[in-house]
Amino acid sequence: MLETNLKEIAELLKVLANENRLAIVCNLLEMEMTVSELHKKLSHISQPALSQHLAVLKLNKIIDAKRSGLNITYSIKDDKISKIIQALRDIYCSN
């Protein structure tokens, strides 16, 4: 069982080890956002690249996507992910 958990943790960390994906998740920690809202905050990432990163995060069950009309709203899927990101922010982003 520990080996399975370690593999799961390693896979999660691989996905989050990308600076752009980490920035996306950090922004989604604050609130749910559409691609357009994320792109405004993360303008250094092209919209096609942003969509690709969102797809990777969704595929790895880190984020959820809800369709509302023409918009898709993204949010953190699991409270465990929120806790991990918040812990990293507390350690590395506190003054």
PDB file of N, CA and C in Angstrom:
ATOM      1  N   MET A   1       0.823  -1.195   0.000  1.00  0.00           N
ATOM      2  CA  MET A   1       0.000   0.000   0.000  1.00  0.00           C
ATOM      3  C   MET A   1       0.870   1.263   0.000  1.00  0.00           C
ATOM      4  N   LEU A   2       1.929   1.281   0.771  1.00  0.00           N
ATOM      5  CA  LEU A   2       2.821   2.435   0.805  1.00  0.00           C
ATOM      6  C   LEU A   2       3.426   2.689  -0.570  1.00  0.00           C
ATOM      7  N   GLU A   3       3.803   1.612  -1.268  1.00  0.00           N
ATOM      8  CA  GLU A   3       4.390   1.751  -2.598  1.00  0.00           C
ATOM      9  C   GLU A   3       3.410   2.413  -3.563  1.00  0.00           C
ATOM     10  N   THR A   4       2.139   2.033  -3.488  1.00  0.00           N
ATOM     11  CA  THR A   4       1.108   2.637  -4.332  1.00  0.00           C
ATOM     12  C   THR A   4       0.983   4.120  -4.022  1.00  0.00           C
ATOM     13  N   ASN A   5       0.957   4.464  -2.742  1.00  0.00           N
ATOM     14  CA  ASN A   5       0.861   5.871  -2.349  1.00  0.00           C
ATOM     15  C   ASN A   5       2.073   6.664  -2.818  1.00  0.00           C
ATOM     16  N   LEU A   6       3.247   6.068  -2.723  1.00  0.00           N
ATOM     17  CA  LEU A   6       4.459   6.755  -3.158  1.00  0.00           C
ATOM     18  C   LEU A   6       4.432   7.020  -4.657  1.00  0.00           C
ATOM     19  N   LYS A   7       3.952   6.064  -5.431  1.00  0.00           N
ATOM     20  CA  LYS A   7       3.836   6.257  -6.882  1.00  0.00           C
ATOM     21  C   LYS A   7       2.852   7.376  -7.193  1.00  0.00           C
ATOM     22  N   GLU A   8       1.731   7.394  -6.480  1.00  0.00           N
ATOM     23  CA  GLU A   8       0.716   8.430  -6.678  1.00  0.00           C
ATOM     24  C   GLU A   8       1.287   9.814  -6.348  1.00  0.00           C
ATOM     25  N   ILE A   9       2.014   9.899  -5.253  1.00  0.00           N
ATOM     26  CA  ILE A   9       2.628  11.167  -4.846  1.00  0.00           C
ATOM     27  C   ILE A   9       3.666  11.610  -5.877  1.00  0.00           C
ATOM     28  N   ALA A  10       4.479  10.679  -6.342  1.00  0.00           N
ATOM     29  CA  ALA A  10       5.509  11.000  -7.335  1.00  0.00           C
ATOM     30  C   ALA A  10       4.880  11.519  -8.625  1.00  0.00           C
ATOM     31  N   GLU A  11       3.797  10.896  -9.067  1.00  0.00           N
ATOM     32  CA  GLU A  11       3.102  11.343 -10.279  1.00  0.00           C
ATOM     33  C   GLU A  11       2.533  12.745 -10.096  1.00  0.00           C
ATOM     34  N   LEU A  12       1.932  12.988  -8.942  1.00  0.00           N
ATOM     35  CA  LEU A  12       1.383  14.312  -8.645  1.00  0.00           C
ATOM     36  C   LEU A  12       2.483  15.367  -8.689  1.00  0.00           C
ATOM     37  N   LEU A  13       3.607  15.074  -8.054  1.00  0.00           N
ATOM     38  CA  LEU A  13       4.709  16.032  -8.021  1.00  0.00           C
ATOM     39  C   LEU A  13       5.301  16.262  -9.407  1.00  0.00           C
ATOM     40  N   LYS A  14       5.325  15.239 -10.254  1.00  0.00           N
ATOM     41  CA  LYS A  14       5.799  15.406 -11.636  1.00  0.00           C
ATOM     42  C   LYS A  14       4.931  16.410 -12.378  1.00  0.00           C
ATOM     43  N   VAL A  15       3.624  16.273 -12.215  1.00  0.00           N
ATOM     44  CA  VAL A  15       2.696  17.178 -12.903  1.00  0.00           C
ATOM     45  C   VAL A  15       2.863  18.603 -12.378  1.00  0.00           C
ATOM     46  N   LEU A  16       2.995  18.750 -11.071  1.00  0.00           N
ATOM     47  CA  LEU A  16       3.104  20.076 -10.464  1.00  0.00           C
ATOM     48  C   LEU A  16       4.501  20.682 -10.600  1.00  0.00           C
ATOM     49  N   ALA A  17       5.468  19.910 -11.074  1.00  0.00           N
ATOM     50  CA  ALA A  17       6.843  20.395 -11.196  1.00  0.00           C
ATOM     51  C   ALA A  17       7.039  21.337 -12.381  1.00  0.00           C
ATOM     52  N   ASN A  18       5.987  21.640 -13.093  1.00  0.00           N
ATOM     53  CA  ASN A  18       6.041  22.588 -14.198  1.00  0.00           C
ATOM     54  C   ASN A  18       5.632  23.965 -13.673  1.00  0.00           C
ATOM     55  N   GLU A  19       6.457  24.964 -13.917  1.00  0.00           N
ATOM     56  CA  GLU A  19       6.212  26.316 -13.394  1.00  0.00           C
ATOM     57  C   GLU A  19       4.847  26.872 -13.817  1.00  0.00           C
ATOM     58  N   ASN A  20       4.468  26.657 -15.075  1.00  0.00           N
ATOM     59  CA  ASN A  20       3.187  27.177 -15.555  1.00  0.00           C
ATOM     60  C   ASN A  20       2.006  26.466 -14.908  1.00  0.00           C
ATOM     61  N   ARG A  21       2.101  25.146 -14.781  1.00  0.00           N
ATOM     62  CA  ARG A  21       1.000  24.409 -14.138  1.00  0.00           C
ATOM     63  C   ARG A  21       0.889  24.785 -12.665  1.00  0.00           C
ATOM     64  N   LEU A  22       2.019  24.995 -12.026  1.00  0.00           N
ATOM     65  CA  LEU A  22       2.003  25.413 -10.626  1.00  0.00           C
ATOM     66  C   LEU A  22       1.353  26.795 -10.488  1.00  0.00           C
ATOM     67  N   ALA A  23       1.647  27.693 -11.418  1.00  0.00           N
ATOM     68  CA  ALA A  23       1.028  29.026 -11.404  1.00  0.00           C
ATOM     69  C   ALA A  23      -0.483  28.925 -11.597  1.00  0.00           C
ATOM     70  N   ILE A  24      -0.918  28.036 -12.477  1.00  0.00           N
ATOM     71  CA  ILE A  24      -2.355  27.832 -12.698  1.00  0.00           C
ATOM     72  C   ILE A  24      -3.017  27.356 -11.416  1.00  0.00           C
ATOM     73  N   VAL A  25      -2.437  26.341 -10.799  1.00  0.00           N
ATOM     74  CA  VAL A  25      -3.021  25.771  -9.578  1.00  0.00           C
ATOM     75  C   VAL A  25      -3.023  26.807  -8.453  1.00  0.00           C
ATOM     76  N   CYS A  26      -1.960  27.588  -8.342  1.00  0.00           N
ATOM     77  CA  CYS A  26      -1.919  28.633  -7.305  1.00  0.00           C
ATOM     78  C   CYS A  26      -3.039  29.647  -7.506  1.00  0.00           C
ATOM     79  N   ASN A  27      -3.309  30.010  -8.744  1.00  0.00           N
ATOM     80  CA  ASN A  27      -4.397  30.945  -9.018  1.00  0.00           C
ATOM     81  C   ASN A  27      -5.754  30.324  -8.745  1.00  0.00           C
ATOM     82  N   LEU A  28      -5.908  29.053  -9.067  1.00  0.00           N
ATOM     83  CA  LEU A  28      -7.182  28.377  -8.812  1.00  0.00           C
ATOM     84  C   LEU A  28      -7.404  28.143  -7.325  1.00  0.00           C
ATOM     85  N   LEU A  29      -6.350  28.183  -6.550  1.00  0.00           N
ATOM     86  CA  LEU A  29      -6.488  28.062  -5.101  1.00  0.00           C
ATOM     87  C   LEU A  29      -7.289  29.245  -4.550  1.00  0.00           C
ATOM     88  N   GLU A  30      -7.128  30.406  -5.190  1.00  0.00           N
ATOM     89  CA  GLU A  30      -7.840  31.612  -4.765  1.00  0.00           C
ATOM     90  C   GLU A  30      -9.331  31.542  -5.097  1.00  0.00           C
ATOM     91  N   MET A  31      -9.644  31.082  -6.311  1.00  0.00           N
ATOM     92  CA  MET A  31     -11.038  31.016  -6.753  1.00  0.00           C
ATOM     93  C   MET A  31     -11.153  30.253  -8.065  1.00  0.00           C
ATOM     94  N   GLU A  32     -12.377  29.803  -8.378  1.00  0.00           N
ATOM     95  CA  GLU A  32     -12.638  29.176  -9.672  1.00  0.00           C
ATOM     96  C   GLU A  32     -12.435  30.224 -10.761  1.00  0.00           C
ATOM     97  N   MET A  33     -11.938  29.781 -11.919  1.00  0.00           N
ATOM     98  CA  MET A  33     -11.704  30.717 -13.016  1.00  0.00           C
ATOM     99  C   MET A  33     -11.941  30.049 -14.357  1.00  0.00           C
ATOM    100  N   THR A  34     -12.293  30.870 -15.341  1.00  0.00           N
ATOM    101  CA  THR A  34     -12.385  30.410 -16.722  1.00  0.00           C
ATOM    102  C   THR A  34     -11.000  30.533 -17.357  1.00  0.00           C
ATOM    103  N   VAL A  35     -10.856  30.002 -18.563  1.00  0.00           N
ATOM    104  CA  VAL A  35      -9.584  30.119 -19.284  1.00  0.00           C
ATOM    105  C   VAL A  35      -9.248  31.597 -19.492  1.00  0.00           C
ATOM    106  N   SER A  36     -10.239  32.386 -19.862  1.00  0.00           N
ATOM    107  CA  SER A  36     -10.003  33.820 -20.097  1.00  0.00           C
ATOM    108  C   SER A  36      -9.519  34.522 -18.838  1.00  0.00           C
ATOM    109  N   GLU A  37     -10.131  34.213 -17.703  1.00  0.00           N
ATOM    110  CA  GLU A  37      -9.713  34.824 -16.437  1.00  0.00           C
ATOM    111  C   GLU A  37      -8.288  34.408 -16.072  1.00  0.00           C
ATOM    112  N   LEU A  38      -7.989  33.128 -16.263  1.00  0.00           N
ATOM    113  CA  LEU A  38      -6.628  32.655 -15.993  1.00  0.00           C
ATOM    114  C   LEU A  38      -5.627  33.331 -16.923  1.00  0.00           C
ATOM    115  N   HIS A  39      -6.002  33.471 -18.197  1.00  0.00           N
ATOM    116  CA  HIS A  39      -5.095  34.071 -19.173  1.00  0.00           C
ATOM    117  C   HIS A  39      -4.799  35.528 -18.826  1.00  0.00           C
ATOM    118  N   LYS A  40      -5.776  36.244 -18.297  1.00  0.00           N
ATOM    119  CA  LYS A  40      -5.536  37.635 -17.875  1.00  0.00           C
ATOM    120  C   LYS A  40      -4.500  37.691 -16.753  1.00  0.00           C
ATOM    121  N   LYS A  41      -4.565  36.743 -15.832  1.00  0.00           N
ATOM    122  CA  LYS A  41      -3.622  36.719 -14.706  1.00  0.00           C
ATOM    123  C   LYS A  41      -2.265  36.152 -15.115  1.00  0.00           C
ATOM    124  N   LEU A  42      -2.277  35.252 -16.080  1.00  0.00           N
ATOM    125  CA  LEU A  42      -1.050  34.561 -16.499  1.00  0.00           C
ATOM    126  C   LEU A  42      -0.766  34.877 -17.965  1.00  0.00           C
ATOM    127  N   SER A  43      -0.676  36.148 -18.290  1.00  0.00           N
ATOM    128  CA  SER A  43      -0.558  36.572 -19.689  1.00  0.00           C
ATOM    129  C   SER A  43       0.744  36.116 -20.352  1.00  0.00           C
ATOM    130  N   HIS A  44       1.730  35.688 -19.559  1.00  0.00           N
ATOM    131  CA  HIS A  44       2.984  35.185 -20.135  1.00  0.00           C
ATOM    132  C   HIS A  44       2.810  33.797 -20.761  1.00  0.00           C
ATOM    133  N   ILE A  45       1.664  33.154 -20.490  1.00  0.00           N
ATOM    134  CA  ILE A  45       1.366  31.843 -21.076  1.00  0.00           C
ATOM    135  C   ILE A  45       0.371  32.067 -22.209  1.00  0.00           C
ATOM    136  N   SER A  46       0.686  31.605 -23.414  1.00  0.00           N
ATOM    137  CA  SER A  46      -0.256  31.762 -24.523  1.00  0.00           C
ATOM    138  C   SER A  46      -1.533  30.976 -24.218  1.00  0.00           C
ATOM    139  N   GLN A  47      -2.642  31.403 -24.815  1.00  0.00           N
ATOM    140  CA  GLN A  47      -3.900  30.725 -24.528  1.00  0.00           C
ATOM    141  C   GLN A  47      -3.874  29.251 -24.961  1.00  0.00           C
ATOM    142  N   PRO A  48      -3.287  28.910 -26.127  1.00  0.00           N
ATOM    143  CA  PRO A  48      -3.204  27.481 -26.471  1.00  0.00           C
ATOM    144  C   PRO A  48      -2.374  26.678 -25.460  1.00  0.00           C
ATOM    145  N   ALA A  49      -1.255  27.246 -25.006  1.00  0.00           N
ATOM    146  CA  ALA A  49      -0.424  26.553 -24.008  1.00  0.00           C
ATOM    147  C   ALA A  49      -1.177  26.423 -22.692  1.00  0.00           C
ATOM    148  N   LEU A  50      -1.907  27.463 -22.312  1.00  0.00           N
ATOM    149  CA  LEU A  50      -2.708  27.428 -21.091  1.00  0.00           C
ATOM    150  C   LEU A  50      -3.733  26.305 -21.168  1.00  0.00           C
ATOM    151  N   SER A  51      -4.391  26.188 -22.307  1.00  0.00           N
ATOM    152  CA  SER A  51      -5.379  25.118 -22.491  1.00  0.00           C
ATOM    153  C   SER A  51      -4.733  23.740 -22.394  1.00  0.00           C
ATOM    154  N   GLN A  52      -3.526  23.600 -22.933  1.00  0.00           N
ATOM    155  CA  GLN A  52      -2.816  22.316 -22.844  1.00  0.00           C
ATOM    156  C   GLN A  52      -2.459  21.986 -21.398  1.00  0.00           C
ATOM    157  N   HIS A  53      -2.001  22.981 -20.656  1.00  0.00           N
ATOM    158  CA  HIS A  53      -1.675  22.756 -19.243  1.00  0.00           C
ATOM    159  C   HIS A  53      -2.928  22.396 -18.449  1.00  0.00           C
ATOM    160  N   LEU A  54      -4.036  23.061 -18.732  1.00  0.00           N
ATOM    161  CA  LEU A  54      -5.296  22.739 -18.054  1.00  0.00           C
ATOM    162  C   LEU A  54      -5.708  21.302 -18.355  1.00  0.00           C
ATOM    163  N   ALA A  55      -5.508  20.866 -19.595  1.00  0.00           N
ATOM    164  CA  ALA A  55      -5.851  19.489 -19.970  1.00  0.00           C
ATOM    165  C   ALA A  55      -5.005  18.483 -19.187  1.00  0.00           C
ATOM    166  N   VAL A  56      -3.723  18.768 -19.023  1.00  0.00           N
ATOM    167  CA  VAL A  56      -2.836  17.880 -18.252  1.00  0.00           C
ATOM    168  C   VAL A  56      -3.290  17.824 -16.796  1.00  0.00           C
ATOM    169  N   LEU A  57      -3.605  18.980 -16.226  1.00  0.00           N
ATOM    170  CA  LEU A  57      -4.059  19.028 -14.830  1.00  0.00           C
ATOM    171  C   LEU A  57      -5.380  18.291 -14.653  1.00  0.00           C
ATOM    172  N   LYS A  58      -6.257  18.428 -15.625  1.00  0.00           N
ATOM    173  CA  LYS A  58      -7.555  17.735 -15.551  1.00  0.00           C
ATOM    174  C   LYS A  58      -7.364  16.228 -15.705  1.00  0.00           C
ATOM    175  N   LEU A  59      -6.544  15.820 -16.654  1.00  0.00           N
ATOM    176  CA  LEU A  59      -6.271  14.404 -16.885  1.00  0.00           C
ATOM    177  C   LEU A  59      -5.700  13.736 -15.635  1.00  0.00           C
ATOM    178  N   ASN A  60      -4.909  14.484 -14.888  1.00  0.00           N
ATOM    179  CA  ASN A  60      -4.285  13.954 -13.676  1.00  0.00           C
ATOM    180  C   ASN A  60      -5.122  14.196 -12.422  1.00  0.00           C
ATOM    181  N   LYS A  61      -6.368  14.594 -12.632  1.00  0.00           N
ATOM    182  CA  LYS A  61      -7.357  14.756 -11.547  1.00  0.00           C
ATOM    183  C   LYS A  61      -6.938  15.781 -10.497  1.00  0.00           C
ATOM    184  N   ILE A  62      -6.237  16.812 -10.943  1.00  0.00           N
ATOM    185  CA  ILE A  62      -5.836  17.885 -10.042  1.00  0.00           C
ATOM    186  C   ILE A  62      -6.875  18.998 -10.062  1.00  0.00           C
ATOM    187  N   ILE A  63      -7.470  19.217 -11.236  1.00  0.00           N
ATOM    188  CA  ILE A  63      -8.514  20.229 -11.351  1.00  0.00           C
ATOM    189  C   ILE A  63      -9.780  19.618 -11.923  1.00  0.00           C
ATOM    190  N   ASP A  64     -10.879  20.329 -11.715  1.00  0.00           N
ATOM    191  CA  ASP A  64     -12.188  19.975 -12.260  1.00  0.00           C
ATOM    192  C   ASP A  64     -12.580  21.033 -13.278  1.00  0.00           C
ATOM    193  N   ALA A  65     -13.403  20.660 -14.227  1.00  0.00           N
ATOM    194  CA  ALA A  65     -13.911  21.608 -15.214  1.00  0.00           C
ATOM    195  C   ALA A  65     -15.426  21.490 -15.271  1.00  0.00           C
ATOM    196  N   LYS A  66     -16.100  22.641 -15.155  1.00  0.00           N
ATOM    197  CA  LYS A  66     -17.559  22.674 -15.249  1.00  0.00           C
ATOM    198  C   LYS A  66     -17.951  23.583 -16.398  1.00  0.00           C
ATOM    199  N   ARG A  67     -18.772  23.067 -17.300  1.00  0.00           N
ATOM    200  CA  ARG A  67     -19.235  23.868 -18.432  1.00  0.00           C
ATOM    201  C   ARG A  67     -20.492  24.623 -18.033  1.00  0.00           C
ATOM    202  N   SER A  68     -20.506  25.908 -18.395  1.00  0.00           N
ATOM    203  CA  SER A  68     -21.681  26.749 -18.199  1.00  0.00           C
ATOM    204  C   SER A  68     -21.842  27.579 -19.466  1.00  0.00           C
ATOM    205  N   GLY A  69     -22.728  27.141 -20.340  1.00  0.00           N
ATOM    206  CA  GLY A  69     -22.866  27.819 -21.631  1.00  0.00           C
ATOM    207  C   GLY A  69     -21.607  27.629 -22.448  1.00  0.00           C
ATOM    208  N   LEU A  70     -21.023  28.739 -22.879  1.00  0.00           N
ATOM    209  CA  LEU A  70     -19.797  28.672 -23.678  1.00  0.00           C
ATOM    210  C   LEU A  70     -18.537  28.607 -22.826  1.00  0.00           C
ATOM    211  N   ASN A  71     -18.665  28.917 -21.547  1.00  0.00           N
ATOM    212  CA  ASN A  71     -17.498  28.961 -20.662  1.00  0.00           C
ATOM    213  C   ASN A  71     -17.277  27.655 -19.920  1.00  0.00           C
ATOM    214  N   ILE A  72     -16.016  27.376 -19.661  1.00  0.00           N
ATOM    215  CA  ILE A  72     -15.643  26.261 -18.793  1.00  0.00           C
ATOM    216  C   ILE A  72     -14.936  26.879 -17.595  1.00  0.00           C
ATOM    217  N   THR A  73     -15.427  26.552 -16.413  1.00  0.00           N
ATOM    218  CA  THR A  73     -14.843  27.067 -15.179  1.00  0.00           C
ATOM    219  C   THR A  73     -14.011  25.972 -14.535  1.00  0.00           C
ATOM    220  N   TYR A  74     -12.784  26.316 -14.178  1.00  0.00           N
ATOM    221  CA  TYR A  74     -11.854  25.364 -13.583  1.00  0.00           C
ATOM    222  C   TYR A  74     -11.717  25.629 -12.090  1.00  0.00           C
ATOM    223  N   SER A  75     -11.527  24.555 -11.338  1.00  0.00           N
ATOM    224  CA  SER A  75     -11.328  24.656  -9.889  1.00  0.00           C
ATOM    225  C   SER A  75     -10.444  23.503  -9.434  1.00  0.00           C
ATOM    226  N   ILE A  76      -9.894  23.640  -8.238  1.00  0.00           N
ATOM    227  CA  ILE A  76      -9.100  22.562  -7.641  1.00  0.00           C
ATOM    228  C   ILE A  76     -10.055  21.421  -7.315  1.00  0.00           C
ATOM    229  N   LYS A  77      -9.702  20.221  -7.722  1.00  0.00           N
ATOM    230  CA  LYS A  77     -10.599  19.077  -7.558  1.00  0.00           C
ATOM    231  C   LYS A  77     -10.597  18.511  -6.145  1.00  0.00           C
ATOM    232  N   ASP A  78      -9.458  18.494  -5.523  1.00  0.00           N
ATOM    233  CA  ASP A  78      -9.290  17.754  -4.282  1.00  0.00           C
ATOM    234  C   ASP A  78      -8.731  18.661  -3.191  1.00  0.00           C
ATOM    235  N   ASP A  79      -9.283  18.555  -2.005  1.00  0.00           N
ATOM    236  CA  ASP A  79      -8.811  19.349  -0.873  1.00  0.00           C
ATOM    237  C   ASP A  79      -7.346  19.043  -0.548  1.00  0.00           C
ATOM    238  N   LYS A  80      -6.903  17.817  -0.835  1.00  0.00           N
ATOM    239  CA  LYS A  80      -5.495  17.462  -0.579  1.00  0.00           C
ATOM    240  C   LYS A  80      -4.564  18.339  -1.417  1.00  0.00           C
ATOM    241  N   ILE A  81      -4.954  18.587  -2.664  1.00  0.00           N
ATOM    242  CA  ILE A  81      -4.149  19.436  -3.551  1.00  0.00           C
ATOM    243  C   ILE A  81      -4.093  20.852  -2.987  1.00  0.00           C
ATOM    244  N   SER A  82      -5.233  21.357  -2.554  1.00  0.00           N
ATOM    245  CA  SER A  82      -5.279  22.703  -1.966  1.00  0.00           C
ATOM    246  C   SER A  82      -4.348  22.806  -0.771  1.00  0.00           C
ATOM    247  N   LYS A  83      -4.341  21.789   0.066  1.00  0.00           N
ATOM    248  CA  LYS A  83      -3.484  21.803   1.255  1.00  0.00           C
ATOM    249  C   LYS A  83      -2.003  21.790   0.883  1.00  0.00           C
ATOM    250  N   ILE A  84      -1.651  21.003  -0.123  1.00  0.00           N
ATOM    251  CA  ILE A  84      -0.252  20.930  -0.570  1.00  0.00           C
ATOM    252  C   ILE A  84       0.200  22.288  -1.107  1.00  0.00           C
ATOM    253  N   ILE A  85      -0.607  22.876  -1.981  1.00  0.00           N
ATOM    254  CA  ILE A  85      -0.254  24.165  -2.576  1.00  0.00           C
ATOM    255  C   ILE A  85      -0.201  25.251  -1.507  1.00  0.00           C
ATOM    256  N   GLN A  86      -1.156  25.237  -0.594  1.00  0.00           N
ATOM    257  CA  GLN A  86      -1.170  26.230   0.479  1.00  0.00           C
ATOM    258  C   GLN A  86       0.071  26.091   1.359  1.00  0.00           C
ATOM    259  N   ALA A  87       0.470  24.866   1.650  1.00  0.00           N
ATOM    260  CA  ALA A  87       1.679  24.646   2.454  1.00  0.00           C
ATOM    261  C   ALA A  87       2.909  25.198   1.737  1.00  0.00           C
ATOM    262  N   LEU A  88       3.016  24.967   0.433  1.00  0.00           N
ATOM    263  CA  LEU A  88       4.141  25.500  -0.339  1.00  0.00           C
ATOM    264  C   LEU A  88       4.136  27.025  -0.328  1.00  0.00           C
ATOM    265  N   ARG A  89       2.952  27.607  -0.479  1.00  0.00           N
ATOM    266  CA  ARG A  89       2.841  29.069  -0.449  1.00  0.00           C
ATOM    267  C   ARG A  89       3.245  29.617   0.917  1.00  0.00           C
ATOM    268  N   ASP A  90       2.799  28.948   1.970  1.00  0.00           N
ATOM    269  CA  ASP A  90       3.137  29.390   3.326  1.00  0.00           C
ATOM    270  C   ASP A  90       4.644  29.355   3.563  1.00  0.00           C
ATOM    271  N   ILE A  91       5.294  28.320   3.050  1.00  0.00           N
ATOM    272  CA  ILE A  91       6.736  28.164   3.255  1.00  0.00           C
ATOM    273  C   ILE A  91       7.536  29.129   2.383  1.00  0.00           C
ATOM    274  N   TYR A  92       7.184  29.229   1.100  1.00  0.00           N
ATOM    275  CA  TYR A  92       8.015  29.963   0.158  1.00  0.00           C
ATOM    276  C   TYR A  92       7.545  31.370  -0.170  1.00  0.00           C
ATOM    277  N   CYS A  93       6.319  31.703   0.150  1.00  0.00           N
ATOM    278  CA  CYS A  93       5.792  33.013  -0.243  1.00  0.00           C
ATOM    279  C   CYS A  93       5.480  33.923   0.932  1.00  0.00           C
ATOM    280  N   SER A  94       5.775  33.479   2.139  1.00  0.00           N
ATOM    281  CA  SER A  94       5.497  34.336   3.299  1.00  0.00           C
ATOM    282  C   SER A  94       6.637  35.327   3.485  1.00  0.00           C
ATOM    283  N   ASN A  95       6.305  36.465   4.033  1.00  0.00           N
ATOM    284  CA  ASN A  95       7.323  37.519   4.232  1.00  0.00           C
ATOM    285  C   ASN A  95       7.996  37.369   5.559  1.00  0.00           C
TER     286      ASN A  95
END
